[in-house]
């Protein structure tokens, strides 16, 4: 996935959903 398409996905996402996305990734980052 390119940086542009990724930025587009983030831009159309509600802020609360971005927060959920970060929470979902946190276990992967900590392990």
PDB file of N, CA and C in Angstrom:
ATOM      1  N   UNK A   1       0.838  -1.204   0.000  1.00  0.00           N
ATOM      2  CA  UNK A   1       0.000   0.000   0.000  1.00  0.00           C
ATOM      3  C   UNK A   1       0.871   1.250   0.000  1.00  0.00           C
ATOM      4  N   UNK A   2       0.553   2.171  -0.881  1.00  0.00           N
ATOM      5  CA  UNK A   2       1.344   3.396  -0.978  1.00  0.00           C
ATOM      6  C   UNK A   2       0.974   4.370   0.134  1.00  0.00           C
ATOM      7  N   UNK A   3       1.838   5.343   0.352  1.00  0.00           N
ATOM      8  CA  UNK A   3       1.578   6.333   1.393  1.00  0.00           C
ATOM      9  C   UNK A   3       0.331   7.152   1.063  1.00  0.00           C
ATOM     10  N   UNK A   4       0.121   7.432  -0.220  1.00  0.00           N
ATOM     11  CA  UNK A   4      -1.042   8.235  -0.622  1.00  0.00           C
ATOM     12  C   UNK A   4      -2.354   7.530  -0.313  1.00  0.00           C
ATOM     13  N   UNK A   5      -2.457   6.268  -0.708  1.00  0.00           N
ATOM     14  CA  UNK A   5      -3.696   5.530  -0.461  1.00  0.00           C
ATOM     15  C   UNK A   5      -3.933   5.358   1.031  1.00  0.00           C
ATOM     16  N   UNK A   6      -2.844   5.182   1.782  1.00  0.00           N
ATOM     17  CA  UNK A   6      -2.963   5.041   3.225  1.00  0.00           C
ATOM     18  C   UNK A   6      -3.481   6.341   3.846  1.00  0.00           C
ATOM     19  N   UNK A   7      -2.956   7.482   3.352  1.00  0.00           N
ATOM     20  CA  UNK A   7      -3.411   8.779   3.859  1.00  0.00           C
ATOM     21  C   UNK A   7      -4.893   8.982   3.554  1.00  0.00           C
ATOM     22  N   UNK A   8      -5.328   8.511   2.391  1.00  0.00           N
ATOM     23  CA  UNK A   8      -6.740   8.634   2.027  1.00  0.00           C
ATOM     24  C   UNK A   8      -7.613   7.802   2.961  1.00  0.00           C
ATOM     25  N   UNK A   9      -7.164   6.614   3.296  1.00  0.00           N
ATOM     26  CA  UNK A   9      -7.941   5.771   4.196  1.00  0.00           C
ATOM     27  C   UNK A   9      -8.065   6.416   5.563  1.00  0.00           C
ATOM     28  N   UNK A  10      -6.979   7.024   6.012  1.00  0.00           N
ATOM     29  CA  UNK A  10      -6.999   7.680   7.321  1.00  0.00           C
ATOM     30  C   UNK A  10      -7.909   8.898   7.300  1.00  0.00           C
ATOM     31  N   UNK A  11      -7.871   9.641   6.190  1.00  0.00           N
ATOM     32  CA  UNK A  11      -8.642  10.883   6.113  1.00  0.00           C
ATOM     33  C   UNK A  11     -10.147  10.625   6.127  1.00  0.00           C
ATOM     34  N   UNK A  12     -10.584   9.503   5.549  1.00  0.00           N
ATOM     35  CA  UNK A  12     -12.014   9.210   5.517  1.00  0.00           C
ATOM     36  C   UNK A  12     -12.480   8.509   6.790  1.00  0.00           C
ATOM     37  N   UNK A  13     -11.542   8.165   7.657  1.00  0.00           N
ATOM     38  CA  UNK A  13     -11.900   7.488   8.894  1.00  0.00           C
ATOM     39  C   UNK A  13     -12.240   8.489   9.993  1.00  0.00           C
ATOM     40  N   UNK A  14     -13.284   8.237  10.759  1.00  0.00           N
ATOM     41  CA  UNK A  14     -13.588   9.085  11.917  1.00  0.00           C
ATOM     42  C   UNK A  14     -12.464   8.990  12.945  1.00  0.00           C
ATOM     43  N   UNK A  15     -12.305  10.043  13.731  1.00  0.00           N
ATOM     44  CA  UNK A  15     -11.215  10.080  14.707  1.00  0.00           C
ATOM     45  C   UNK A  15     -11.331   8.940  15.712  1.00  0.00           C
ATOM     46  N   UNK A  16     -12.548   8.643  16.160  1.00  0.00           N
ATOM     47  CA  UNK A  16     -12.709   7.576  17.140  1.00  0.00           C
ATOM     48  C   UNK A  16     -12.312   6.227  16.549  1.00  0.00           C
ATOM     49  N   UNK A  17     -12.534   6.070  15.240  1.00  0.00           N
ATOM     50  CA  UNK A  17     -12.158   4.811  14.611  1.00  0.00           C
ATOM     51  C   UNK A  17     -10.639   4.715  14.474  1.00  0.00           C
ATOM     52  N   UNK A  18      -9.979   5.866  14.269  1.00  0.00           N
ATOM     53  CA  UNK A  18      -8.518   5.869  14.221  1.00  0.00           C
ATOM     54  C   UNK A  18      -7.971   5.456  15.583  1.00  0.00           C
ATOM     55  N   UNK A  19      -8.630   5.918  16.650  1.00  0.00           N
ATOM     56  CA  UNK A  19      -8.212   5.551  17.993  1.00  0.00           C
ATOM     57  C   UNK A  19      -8.346   4.042  18.200  1.00  0.00           C
ATOM     58  N   UNK A  20      -9.420   3.461  17.682  1.00  0.00           N
ATOM     59  CA  UNK A  20      -9.619   2.019  17.766  1.00  0.00           C
ATOM     60  C   UNK A  20      -8.539   1.290  16.986  1.00  0.00           C
ATOM     61  N   UNK A  21      -8.160   1.851  15.848  1.00  0.00           N
ATOM     62  CA  UNK A  21      -7.136   1.245  15.007  1.00  0.00           C
ATOM     63  C   UNK A  21      -5.804   1.203  15.752  1.00  0.00           C
ATOM     64  N   UNK A  22      -5.470   2.306  16.442  1.00  0.00           N
ATOM     65  CA  UNK A  22      -4.234   2.355  17.208  1.00  0.00           C
ATOM     66  C   UNK A  22      -4.282   1.346  18.352  1.00  0.00           C
ATOM     67  N   UNK A  23      -5.444   1.226  19.005  1.00  0.00           N
ATOM     68  CA  UNK A  23      -5.611   0.277  20.098  1.00  0.00           C
ATOM     69  C   UNK A  23      -5.464  -1.155  19.587  1.00  0.00           C
ATOM     70  N   UNK A  24      -5.962  -1.400  18.388  1.00  0.00           N
ATOM     71  CA  UNK A  24      -5.905  -2.730  17.799  1.00  0.00           C
ATOM     72  C   UNK A  24      -4.471  -3.113  17.446  1.00  0.00           C
ATOM     73  N   UNK A  25      -3.671  -2.122  17.072  1.00  0.00           N
ATOM     74  CA  UNK A  25      -2.293  -2.398  16.685  1.00  0.00           C
ATOM     75  C   UNK A  25      -1.349  -2.456  17.882  1.00  0.00           C
ATOM     76  N   UNK A  26      -1.739  -1.861  19.004  1.00  0.00           N
ATOM     77  CA  UNK A  26      -0.833  -1.769  20.146  1.00  0.00           C
ATOM     78  C   UNK A  26      -0.304  -3.119  20.636  1.00  0.00           C
ATOM     79  N   UNK A  27      -1.118  -4.187  20.682  1.00  0.00           N
ATOM     80  CA  UNK A  27      -0.572  -5.490  21.084  1.00  0.00           C
ATOM     81  C   UNK A  27       0.519  -5.975  20.136  1.00  0.00           C
ATOM     82  N   UNK A  28       0.370  -5.653  18.841  1.00  0.00           N
ATOM     83  CA  UNK A  28       1.377  -6.073  17.872  1.00  0.00           C
ATOM     84  C   UNK A  28       2.675  -5.311  18.079  1.00  0.00           C
ATOM     85  N   UNK A  29       2.563  -4.052  18.490  1.00  0.00           N
ATOM     86  CA  UNK A  29       3.751  -3.223  18.685  1.00  0.00           C
ATOM     87  C   UNK A  29       4.473  -3.593  19.973  1.00  0.00           C
ATOM     88  N   UNK A  30       3.716  -4.025  20.985  1.00  0.00           N
ATOM     89  CA  UNK A  30       4.332  -4.289  22.288  1.00  0.00           C
ATOM     90  C   UNK A  30       4.979  -5.664  22.348  1.00  0.00           C
ATOM     91  N   UNK A  31       4.532  -6.600  21.538  1.00  0.00           N
ATOM     92  CA  UNK A  31       5.079  -7.950  21.603  1.00  0.00           C
ATOM     93  C   UNK A  31       6.342  -8.081  20.767  1.00  0.00           C
TER      94      UNK A  31
END
